[in-house]
Amino acid sequence: MVRAASYEAGARDSVNHHQSTLNTGHALQLQRILRELPSRWSWHVALTANPRRPRIRFLPPPTPTARSSSSAAEFLPLSRRWLRLPLLTPQDPKTEKPEEMVTTGVLASLQNFLRKCLIAVLSYGPMPKHIAFIMDGNRRYAKFRTIQQGTGHRVGFSALIASLLYCYEMGVKYTTVYAFSIDNFKRDPSEVQSLMQLMEEKINELLENRSVINKLNCKINFWGNLELLCEPVRLAAEKLMASTAGNTGLVFSVCMPYNSTSEIVNAVNGLCKERREMLQREHTGDCNGHAANNGVHSEISVADLDRHMYSAGCPDPDIVIRTSGETRLSNFLLWQTTFSHLQNPDPLWPEFSFRHLVWAILQYQRAYPYIEQYRELAKKQL
């Protein structure tokens, strides 16, 4: 097992070391990665400040100047069996920008290779075409760490970009997220304003730096009543949709401001408007001597409503994941989730990672025969 020691400065000429032990799974993973690297390289490791689920993050080796002026206990060669880790003081977690998530390097290449091997094993089973996420727990993440309120949502955006990259690598064609409910407008006005500013900032980031969009060839949709958004956010969202409309890769749908009740009402209104226009055309044609349609379009089917949903042209979700352990759908995609596999993992959304996504797909593959049997039975009853 890899042992980790953290330190904090005491007197100028003394350093007190406190030992801690890493999770066995993380230790074995670290050992495997270190054995693959050339022995002449030296790296130091930082342990992210997460008391519930410690994570290992590799950082580039320090410069020779910094190395020579630091204590020998801070940086050790890879041949040693244990590494000393700097103690992280409580502070706002660093949020990675989208372009930083697609950079490459030796460790990144190694991690990508291991990830692709795991994905190749997963692909032997049934893979989902569409995964929907309810991104729950951003505020609790900030509260538990006593950090600024909006920081939880910023870290959550980093988790979102990472999840998109993982879905793309797994061959998941459609990804949908519940970003902002219409009911969220009932929250404190200062919080709503802060969220609107964050949305505008992140949308503009994607517009200005298109590294992630270009890598995924991503088409971005916004589902919801955009008229409820403030004008800068609405214009930025419309601009982003227009700029990615021709892309043919991953289809990423952002539900904001959205709830399923509003979507169904909007679909019914759209269908009624369509039928009124059809009746007017038939009446005009009848007056001009053409035969009337004799009420062929009088009945309304499920397929008719499907055409007017925000999700028209998109398959129903195979998996719906709500983080933080909550078991409510909160008025999210109620029309589309009849045969979806619902999952409620414990991690808060900013903590959601690749291993949680892998576990979600394994759970889906386990339940897949039952879901298909239920779907076929429902088709026979129609």
Protein backbone atom coordinates (compact mmCIF):
# COMPACT_ATOMS: atom_id res chain seq x y z
CA MET A 1 0.00 0.00 0.00
CA VAL A 2 1.20 3.47 -0.82
CA ARG A 3 1.54 5.60 2.28
CA ALA A 4 1.05 9.33 2.14
CA ALA A 5 2.35 11.87 4.63
CA SER A 6 1.14 15.43 4.81
CA TYR A 7 3.05 18.26 6.40
CA GLU A 8 2.50 21.67 7.78
CA ALA A 9 5.13 24.25 8.62
CA GLY A 10 5.88 24.74 12.29
CA ALA A 11 9.00 26.68 13.26
CA ARG A 12 11.28 27.94 10.50
CA ASP A 13 13.80 25.15 10.97
CA SER A 14 11.41 22.31 11.69
CA VAL A 15 8.60 20.57 9.85
CA ASN A 16 6.03 18.36 11.56
CA HIS A 17 4.90 15.40 9.47
CA HIS A 18 1.49 13.75 9.83
CA GLN A 19 0.93 10.41 8.16
CA SER A 20 -2.28 9.34 6.53
CA THR A 21 -3.20 6.31 4.45
CA LEU A 22 -4.76 6.40 1.02
CA ASN A 23 -7.66 4.27 -0.04
CA THR A 24 -6.39 0.82 -1.18
CA GLY A 25 -7.90 1.21 -4.66
CA HIS A 26 -6.22 4.59 -5.14
CA ALA A 27 -2.94 3.16 -3.83
CA LEU A 28 -2.91 0.26 -6.29
CA GLN A 29 -3.84 2.60 -9.13
CA LEU A 30 -0.99 4.93 -8.18
CA GLN A 31 1.49 2.06 -8.00
CA ARG A 32 0.50 0.81 -11.46
CA ILE A 33 0.89 4.27 -13.00
CA LEU A 34 4.23 4.93 -11.33
CA ARG A 35 5.68 1.63 -12.53
CA GLU A 36 4.89 2.64 -16.13
CA LEU A 37 6.91 5.87 -15.94
CA PRO A 38 10.69 6.07 -16.54
CA SER A 39 12.64 5.93 -13.28
CA ARG A 40 14.60 9.09 -14.14
CA TRP A 41 11.45 11.24 -13.83
CA SER A 42 10.31 12.73 -10.57
CA TRP A 43 6.78 13.86 -9.87
CA HIS A 44 5.03 15.11 -6.79
CA VAL A 45 1.44 14.30 -5.95
CA ALA A 46 -1.28 16.44 -4.38
CA LEU A 47 -4.25 14.96 -2.57
CA THR A 48 -7.47 16.90 -3.25
CA ALA A 49 -9.25 18.12 -0.13
CA ASN A 50 -12.20 15.77 -0.16
CA PRO A 51 -12.74 13.96 3.13
CA ARG A 52 -15.44 11.71 1.69
CA ARG A 53 -13.64 10.52 -1.41
CA PRO A 54 -9.92 11.26 -1.62
CA ARG A 55 -8.57 11.64 -5.14
CA ILE A 56 -5.03 11.61 -6.45
CA ARG A 57 -3.97 14.40 -8.79
CA PHE A 58 -0.66 14.37 -10.64
CA LEU A 59 1.15 17.65 -11.08
CA PRO A 60 4.15 18.48 -13.31
CA PRO A 61 7.59 18.14 -11.69
CA PRO A 62 8.90 21.32 -10.03
CA THR A 63 11.53 23.44 -11.71
CA PRO A 64 15.17 22.78 -10.65
CA THR A 65 15.23 26.07 -8.74
CA ALA A 66 12.08 25.29 -6.80
CA ARG A 67 13.31 21.74 -6.18
CA SER A 68 16.64 22.81 -4.76
CA SER A 69 15.07 25.32 -2.38
CA SER A 70 12.43 22.90 -1.08
CA SER A 71 12.74 20.36 1.64
CA ALA A 72 13.87 16.94 0.46
CA ALA A 73 10.80 15.49 2.09
CA GLU A 74 8.51 17.26 -0.36
CA PHE A 75 9.74 15.67 -3.62
CA LEU A 76 10.96 12.09 -3.79
CA PRO A 77 12.06 9.93 -6.75
CA LEU A 78 9.57 7.43 -8.12
CA SER A 79 11.64 4.49 -6.96
CA ARG A 80 10.65 5.19 -3.35
CA ARG A 81 7.70 3.21 -2.01
CA TRP A 82 5.89 6.20 -0.56
CA LEU A 83 5.38 9.86 -1.38
CA ARG A 84 5.05 12.85 0.88
CA LEU A 85 2.05 15.01 0.09
CA PRO A 86 1.65 18.70 0.94
CA LEU A 87 -1.19 19.48 3.32
CA LEU A 88 -3.94 21.37 1.50
CA THR A 89 -5.44 24.24 3.47
CA PRO A 90 -9.20 24.84 3.08
CA GLN A 91 -9.77 27.14 0.12
CA ASP A 92 -11.94 27.49 -2.93
CA PRO A 93 -11.30 24.49 -5.21
CA LYS A 94 -9.71 25.34 -8.53
CA THR A 95 -12.07 25.04 -11.45
CA GLU A 96 -10.62 23.79 -14.69
CA LYS A 97 -11.46 25.60 -17.91
CA PRO A 98 -12.84 23.55 -20.80
CA GLU A 99 -9.69 23.99 -22.90
CA GLU A 100 -7.57 22.63 -20.04
CA MET A 101 -9.47 19.35 -20.14
CA VAL A 102 -8.40 18.46 -23.67
CA THR A 103 -4.68 19.09 -23.22
CA THR A 104 -2.38 16.12 -23.65
CA GLY A 105 0.76 14.93 -21.88
CA VAL A 106 2.48 11.75 -20.80
CA LEU A 107 0.23 11.13 -17.81
CA ALA A 108 -2.85 12.25 -19.74
CA SER A 109 -1.98 9.81 -22.54
CA LEU A 110 -1.54 6.99 -20.03
CA GLN A 111 -4.84 7.76 -18.35
CA ASN A 112 -6.58 8.00 -21.73
CA PHE A 113 -5.18 4.60 -22.70
CA LEU A 114 -6.39 2.95 -19.49
CA ARG A 115 -9.78 4.64 -19.84
CA LYS A 116 -10.17 3.45 -23.43
CA CYS A 117 -9.33 -0.11 -22.37
CA LEU A 118 -12.09 0.00 -19.77
CA ILE A 119 -14.54 1.51 -22.27
CA ALA A 120 -13.69 -1.26 -24.75
CA VAL A 121 -14.63 -3.85 -22.11
CA LEU A 122 -17.87 -2.01 -21.33
CA SER A 123 -18.81 -1.88 -25.03
CA TYR A 124 -19.26 -5.66 -25.10
CA GLY A 125 -22.54 -5.07 -23.29
CA PRO A 126 -25.49 -2.90 -24.36
CA MET A 127 -24.44 0.76 -24.34
CA PRO A 128 -26.87 3.63 -23.78
CA LYS A 129 -27.54 6.04 -26.62
CA HIS A 130 -28.87 8.80 -24.39
CA ILE A 131 -27.94 9.70 -20.79
CA ALA A 132 -29.72 12.45 -18.86
CA PHE A 133 -28.28 14.07 -15.74
CA ILE A 134 -30.00 15.96 -12.93
CA MET A 135 -27.04 17.96 -11.63
CA ASP A 136 -27.97 18.05 -7.95
CA GLY A 137 -25.77 19.04 -5.02
CA ASN A 138 -23.82 22.11 -6.14
CA ARG A 139 -25.00 24.26 -3.23
CA ARG A 140 -24.44 21.48 -0.69
CA TYR A 141 -20.95 20.97 -2.09
CA ALA A 142 -20.14 24.61 -1.33
CA LYS A 143 -21.85 24.47 2.08
CA PHE A 144 -20.00 21.35 3.25
CA ARG A 145 -16.67 22.93 2.34
CA THR A 146 -17.54 26.36 3.71
CA ILE A 147 -16.63 28.01 0.43
CA GLN A 148 -18.34 30.77 -1.52
CA GLN A 149 -21.84 29.84 -2.66
CA GLY A 150 -21.29 30.16 -6.41
CA THR A 151 -18.08 28.13 -6.33
CA GLY A 152 -20.05 24.88 -6.15
CA HIS A 153 -21.72 25.66 -9.48
CA ARG A 154 -18.35 26.54 -11.05
CA VAL A 155 -16.86 23.22 -9.98
CA GLY A 156 -20.05 21.57 -11.21
CA PHE A 157 -19.44 23.07 -14.67
CA SER A 158 -16.00 21.40 -14.73
CA ALA A 159 -17.66 18.10 -13.80
CA LEU A 160 -20.15 18.65 -16.64
CA ILE A 161 -17.45 19.16 -19.28
CA ALA A 162 -15.59 16.08 -18.02
CA SER A 163 -18.79 14.00 -18.19
CA LEU A 164 -19.39 15.17 -21.77
CA LEU A 165 -15.91 14.04 -22.76
CA TYR A 166 -16.46 10.65 -21.13
CA CYS A 167 -19.84 10.20 -22.85
CA TYR A 168 -18.24 11.05 -26.18
CA GLU A 169 -15.49 8.46 -25.65
CA MET A 170 -18.10 5.85 -24.73
CA GLY A 171 -20.06 6.48 -27.91
CA VAL A 172 -23.08 8.01 -26.16
CA LYS A 173 -24.69 10.11 -28.90
CA TYR A 174 -27.09 12.18 -26.77
CA THR A 175 -26.50 13.85 -23.41
CA THR A 176 -29.07 15.99 -21.60
CA VAL A 177 -28.66 17.96 -18.36
CA TYR A 178 -31.16 19.67 -16.07
CA ALA A 179 -29.41 22.99 -15.56
CA PHE A 180 -32.12 25.36 -14.30
CA SER A 181 -35.73 24.69 -13.41
CA ILE A 182 -38.50 27.23 -13.88
CA ASP A 183 -39.17 26.72 -10.17
CA ASN A 184 -35.64 27.96 -9.40
CA PHE A 185 -36.84 31.49 -10.15
CA LYS A 186 -38.53 31.32 -6.73
CA ARG A 187 -35.13 31.27 -5.01
CA ASP A 188 -33.47 34.32 -3.53
CA PRO A 189 -33.13 36.99 -6.27
CA SER A 190 -29.41 37.45 -5.58
CA GLU A 191 -28.82 33.72 -6.08
CA VAL A 192 -30.83 33.70 -9.31
CA GLN A 193 -28.86 36.70 -10.57
CA SER A 194 -25.59 34.98 -9.71
CA LEU A 195 -26.66 31.86 -11.63
CA MET A 196 -27.67 33.93 -14.65
CA GLN A 197 -24.27 35.63 -14.66
CA LEU A 198 -22.53 32.25 -14.41
CA MET A 199 -24.60 30.87 -17.31
CA GLU A 200 -23.74 33.86 -19.47
CA GLU A 201 -20.06 33.56 -18.58
CA LYS A 202 -19.84 29.84 -19.37
CA ILE A 203 -21.83 30.12 -22.62
CA ASN A 204 -19.53 32.93 -23.77
CA GLU A 205 -16.53 30.79 -22.80
CA LEU A 206 -17.75 28.05 -25.10
CA LEU A 207 -18.32 30.58 -27.87
CA GLU A 208 -14.86 32.13 -27.55
CA ASN A 209 -12.84 28.98 -26.97
CA ARG A 210 -14.28 26.15 -29.05
CA SER A 211 -11.74 23.45 -28.19
CA VAL A 212 -14.28 21.17 -26.50
CA ILE A 213 -17.01 21.83 -29.10
CA ASN A 214 -14.59 21.15 -31.96
CA LYS A 215 -13.22 18.01 -30.33
CA LEU A 216 -16.69 16.54 -29.85
CA ASN A 217 -18.20 18.12 -33.00
CA CYS A 218 -20.95 18.94 -30.54
CA LYS A 219 -24.41 20.23 -31.36
CA ILE A 220 -25.86 22.20 -28.43
CA ASN A 221 -29.58 22.66 -27.82
CA PHE A 222 -31.38 24.63 -25.12
CA TRP A 223 -34.71 23.14 -24.06
CA GLY A 224 -37.09 25.39 -22.19
CA ASN A 225 -38.80 28.75 -22.27
CA LEU A 226 -35.88 30.99 -23.20
CA GLU A 227 -38.14 34.05 -22.98
CA LEU A 228 -37.92 33.76 -19.19
CA LEU A 229 -34.14 34.32 -19.27
CA CYS A 230 -32.57 37.74 -19.05
CA GLU A 231 -31.69 39.11 -22.47
CA PRO A 232 -27.87 38.65 -22.35
CA VAL A 233 -28.23 34.96 -21.41
CA ARG A 234 -30.96 34.36 -23.99
CA LEU A 235 -28.97 35.98 -26.79
CA ALA A 236 -25.82 34.03 -25.83
CA ALA A 237 -27.79 30.75 -25.78
CA GLU A 238 -29.37 31.44 -29.17
CA LYS A 239 -25.97 32.36 -30.62
CA LEU A 240 -24.42 29.14 -29.30
CA MET A 241 -27.25 27.03 -30.74
CA ALA A 242 -26.93 28.71 -34.14
CA SER A 243 -23.14 28.29 -34.21
CA THR A 244 -23.34 24.53 -33.51
CA ALA A 245 -26.49 23.70 -35.51
CA GLY A 246 -24.49 22.08 -38.31
CA ASN A 247 -22.38 19.82 -36.09
CA THR A 248 -23.01 16.08 -36.37
CA GLY A 249 -21.28 14.66 -33.28
CA LEU A 250 -22.50 14.54 -29.70
CA VAL A 251 -25.91 16.17 -29.21
CA PHE A 252 -25.83 18.09 -25.92
CA SER A 253 -29.17 19.43 -24.65
CA VAL A 254 -29.31 21.91 -21.78
CA CYS A 255 -32.68 22.20 -20.04
CA MET A 256 -32.99 25.83 -18.85
CA PRO A 257 -35.36 27.27 -17.77
CA TYR A 258 -37.34 24.04 -17.95
CA ASN A 259 -39.84 21.76 -16.35
CA SER A 260 -41.75 18.89 -17.90
CA THR A 261 -45.18 20.35 -17.18
CA SER A 262 -44.30 23.46 -19.16
CA GLU A 263 -42.93 21.32 -22.00
CA ILE A 264 -46.16 19.29 -22.27
CA VAL A 265 -48.33 22.42 -22.19
CA ASN A 266 -46.14 23.97 -24.89
CA ALA A 267 -46.47 20.82 -27.03
CA VAL A 268 -50.27 20.78 -26.68
CA ASN A 269 -50.48 24.47 -27.62
CA GLY A 270 -48.21 23.89 -30.62
CA LEU A 271 -50.28 20.94 -31.79
CA CYS A 272 -53.55 22.88 -31.41
CA LYS A 273 -52.11 25.73 -33.43
CA GLU A 274 -51.03 23.31 -36.14
CA ARG A 275 -54.48 21.72 -36.30
CA ARG A 276 -56.20 25.11 -36.52
CA GLU A 277 -53.98 26.05 -39.46
CA MET A 278 -54.72 22.71 -41.16
CA LEU A 279 -58.48 23.19 -40.71
CA GLN A 280 -58.23 26.71 -42.12
CA ARG A 281 -56.39 25.41 -45.20
CA GLU A 282 -58.96 22.62 -45.65
CA HIS A 283 -61.81 25.10 -45.32
CA THR A 284 -60.18 27.36 -47.89
CA GLY A 285 -59.65 24.41 -50.23
CA ASP A 286 -63.28 23.32 -49.80
CA CYS A 287 -64.50 26.81 -50.69
CA ASN A 288 -62.34 26.71 -53.81
CA GLY A 289 -63.95 23.49 -55.00
CA HIS A 290 -61.46 20.95 -53.55
CA ALA A 291 -62.64 17.96 -51.56
CA ALA A 292 -62.59 18.32 -47.79
CA ASN A 293 -60.53 15.95 -45.64
CA ASN A 294 -63.59 14.71 -43.70
CA GLY A 295 -61.94 14.95 -40.29
CA VAL A 296 -58.86 12.80 -40.99
CA HIS A 297 -56.78 15.01 -38.67
CA SER A 298 -59.30 15.21 -35.85
CA GLU A 299 -57.60 12.60 -33.63
CA ILE A 300 -54.44 13.39 -31.68
CA SER A 301 -51.86 10.64 -31.16
CA VAL A 302 -48.80 10.31 -28.93
CA ALA A 303 -46.62 10.70 -32.02
CA ASP A 304 -48.30 14.05 -32.74
CA LEU A 305 -47.35 15.33 -29.29
CA ASP A 306 -43.82 13.91 -29.62
CA ARG A 307 -43.26 16.10 -32.67
CA HIS A 308 -43.94 19.21 -30.60
CA MET A 309 -41.81 18.33 -27.57
CA TYR A 310 -38.50 20.10 -27.02
CA SER A 311 -36.93 16.64 -27.41
CA ALA A 312 -38.36 16.03 -30.91
CA GLY A 313 -35.87 14.02 -32.95
CA CYS A 314 -34.00 12.85 -29.87
CA PRO A 315 -34.47 9.31 -28.48
CA ASP A 316 -35.78 8.90 -24.95
CA PRO A 317 -33.08 8.66 -22.26
CA ASP A 318 -31.78 5.18 -21.52
CA ILE A 319 -30.40 6.30 -18.16
CA VAL A 320 -31.45 9.18 -15.89
CA ILE A 321 -28.86 9.96 -13.21
CA ARG A 322 -29.66 12.24 -10.29
CA THR A 323 -26.64 12.85 -8.08
CA SER A 324 -26.59 13.43 -4.30
CA GLY A 325 -28.76 10.38 -3.61
CA GLU A 326 -32.08 12.16 -4.17
CA THR A 327 -34.85 9.96 -5.57
CA ARG A 328 -37.05 12.66 -7.16
CA LEU A 329 -37.30 13.52 -10.86
CA SER A 330 -38.29 17.11 -9.95
CA ASN A 331 -40.47 17.56 -13.04
CA PHE A 332 -37.68 16.53 -15.43
CA LEU A 333 -38.47 14.73 -18.72
CA LEU A 334 -41.61 13.08 -17.32
CA TRP A 335 -42.93 12.43 -20.85
CA GLN A 336 -39.69 10.81 -22.07
CA THR A 337 -38.61 8.60 -19.15
CA THR A 338 -41.19 5.79 -19.21
CA PHE A 339 -38.56 3.15 -19.95
CA SER A 340 -35.50 4.92 -18.55
CA HIS A 341 -33.28 3.34 -15.92
CA LEU A 342 -33.33 5.72 -12.94
CA GLN A 343 -30.21 5.94 -10.79
CA ASN A 344 -29.44 7.98 -7.67
CA PRO A 345 -25.71 7.82 -6.84
CA ASP A 346 -24.59 9.40 -3.55
CA PRO A 347 -21.87 11.81 -4.80
CA LEU A 348 -22.81 15.45 -5.16
CA TRP A 349 -22.65 16.68 -8.75
CA PRO A 350 -19.20 18.34 -8.48
CA GLU A 351 -17.87 15.00 -7.17
CA PHE A 352 -19.31 12.96 -10.05
CA SER A 353 -16.48 11.30 -11.96
CA PHE A 354 -15.61 8.68 -14.56
CA ARG A 355 -15.88 5.78 -12.12
CA HIS A 356 -19.42 6.82 -11.18
CA LEU A 357 -20.38 6.95 -14.86
CA VAL A 358 -18.88 3.50 -15.46
CA TRP A 359 -20.83 2.11 -12.51
CA ALA A 360 -24.04 3.68 -13.85
CA ILE A 361 -23.56 1.96 -17.22
CA LEU A 362 -22.84 -1.38 -15.52
CA GLN A 363 -26.07 -1.03 -13.56
CA TYR A 364 -27.91 -0.23 -16.79
CA GLN A 365 -26.45 -3.27 -18.53
CA ARG A 366 -27.54 -5.44 -15.63
CA ALA A 367 -31.13 -4.15 -15.87
CA TYR A 368 -31.21 -4.04 -19.69
CA PRO A 369 -32.99 -7.42 -20.27
CA TYR A 370 -35.82 -6.42 -17.93
CA ILE A 371 -36.14 -2.95 -19.52
CA GLU A 372 -36.35 -4.44 -23.01
CA GLN A 373 -38.89 -7.04 -21.89
CA TYR A 374 -41.03 -4.30 -20.34
CA ARG A 375 -40.73 -2.16 -23.49
CA GLU A 376 -41.81 -5.02 -25.78
CA LEU A 377 -44.75 -5.83 -23.50
CA ALA A 378 -45.88 -2.19 -23.60
CA LYS A 379 -45.74 -2.20 -27.42
CA LYS A 380 -47.98 -5.27 -27.58
CA GLN A 381 -50.56 -3.62 -25.34
CA LEU A 382 -50.88 -0.56 -27.58
